[in-house]
Amino acid sequence: MSKKAESPPPNFEQALERLETIVESLERGEMPLGDSIKLFEEGVTLARRLEGELSDAEIKVEALLRDTRGNESIAPLTLPEDDA
């Protein structure tokens, strides 16, 4: 069984959609352990990539909100915590 490893989706939204698909597949628990581990590994890689992209975006947004003296012109972006 020679499956070609999937490359990460090219943009944030596609990567997030793929991660959601992976989570749904793993939650069903219907595949063999080896396949589940490979899928889990792909999910972890995607989650780390997405976390990094979100962190970078937050830094950029906060930098844009600062005025020329380094003071915040408005409150920094805060995201609601996930209650899950």
Protein backbone atom coordinates (compact mmCIF):
# COMPACT_ATOMS: atom_id res chain seq x y z
CA MET A 1 0.00 0.00 0.00
CA SER A 2 1.96 2.96 -1.30
CA LYS A 3 0.09 6.16 -0.58
CA LYS A 4 1.73 9.45 -1.43
CA ALA A 5 1.94 11.73 1.62
CA GLU A 6 -0.41 14.67 1.28
CA SER A 7 1.21 18.08 1.23
CA PRO A 8 -0.21 20.68 3.61
CA PRO A 9 -3.08 22.70 2.17
CA PRO A 10 -1.83 25.97 0.65
CA ASN A 11 -3.83 28.44 2.72
CA PHE A 12 -5.09 28.87 6.26
CA GLU A 13 -8.73 28.12 5.51
CA GLN A 14 -7.93 24.94 3.60
CA ALA A 15 -5.57 23.79 6.34
CA LEU A 16 -8.24 24.41 8.97
CA GLU A 17 -10.82 22.51 6.92
CA ARG A 18 -8.41 19.57 6.58
CA LEU A 19 -7.75 19.60 10.32
CA GLU A 20 -11.49 19.52 11.02
CA THR A 21 -11.85 16.54 8.67
CA ILE A 22 -9.01 14.75 10.45
CA VAL A 23 -10.58 15.34 13.86
CA GLU A 24 -13.95 14.02 12.65
CA SER A 25 -12.29 10.90 11.21
CA LEU A 26 -10.36 10.22 14.39
CA GLU A 27 -13.43 10.77 16.57
CA ARG A 28 -15.34 8.12 14.59
CA GLY A 29 -12.60 5.62 15.49
CA GLU A 30 -13.31 3.38 12.52
CA MET A 31 -9.84 3.06 11.00
CA PRO A 32 -6.93 0.80 11.91
CA LEU A 33 -4.48 2.02 14.54
CA GLY A 34 -1.63 2.61 12.08
CA ASP A 35 -3.82 4.77 9.86
CA SER A 36 -5.12 6.64 12.90
CA ILE A 37 -1.58 7.42 14.02
CA LYS A 38 -0.62 8.74 10.58
CA LEU A 39 -3.73 10.89 10.49
CA PHE A 40 -3.08 12.12 14.03
CA GLU A 41 0.47 13.08 13.04
CA GLU A 42 -0.86 15.06 10.08
CA GLY A 43 -3.35 16.76 12.39
CA VAL A 44 -0.68 17.76 14.89
CA THR A 45 1.45 19.20 12.07
CA LEU A 46 -1.50 21.20 10.77
CA ALA A 47 -2.48 22.40 14.26
CA ARG A 48 1.06 23.67 14.89
CA ARG A 49 1.13 25.42 11.51
CA LEU A 50 -2.24 27.07 12.13
CA GLU A 51 -1.24 28.11 15.65
CA GLY A 52 1.89 29.74 14.25
CA GLU A 53 -0.06 31.57 11.56
CA LEU A 54 -2.57 32.84 14.13
CA SER A 55 0.23 34.00 16.40
CA ASP A 56 1.89 35.85 13.52
CA ALA A 57 -1.41 37.47 12.56
CA GLU A 58 -2.03 38.59 16.15
CA ILE A 59 1.43 40.18 16.31
CA LYS A 60 0.80 42.03 13.04
CA VAL A 61 -2.62 43.27 14.19
CA GLU A 62 -1.24 44.51 17.50
CA ALA A 63 1.63 46.27 15.69
CA LEU A 64 -0.84 47.98 13.37
CA LEU A 65 -2.88 49.19 16.33
CA ARG A 66 0.07 50.96 17.95
CA ASP A 67 0.63 54.63 17.22
CA THR A 68 4.05 56.07 16.35
CA ARG A 69 4.98 56.59 20.01
CA GLY A 70 4.50 52.92 20.82
CA ASN A 71 1.23 53.50 22.66
CA GLU A 72 -1.78 51.45 21.86
CA SER A 73 -4.31 53.51 20.01
CA ILE A 74 -7.07 51.04 20.85
CA ALA A 75 -7.27 47.94 23.01
CA PRO A 76 -5.35 44.94 21.68
CA LEU A 77 -7.28 42.18 20.02
CA THR A 78 -8.51 39.55 22.46
CA LEU A 79 -10.12 36.37 21.31
CA PRO A 80 -12.76 34.54 23.34
CA GLU A 81 -11.56 31.38 25.04
CA ASP A 82 -12.90 28.11 23.69
CA ASP A 83 -15.23 26.58 26.27
CA ALA A 84 -14.67 23.03 24.99
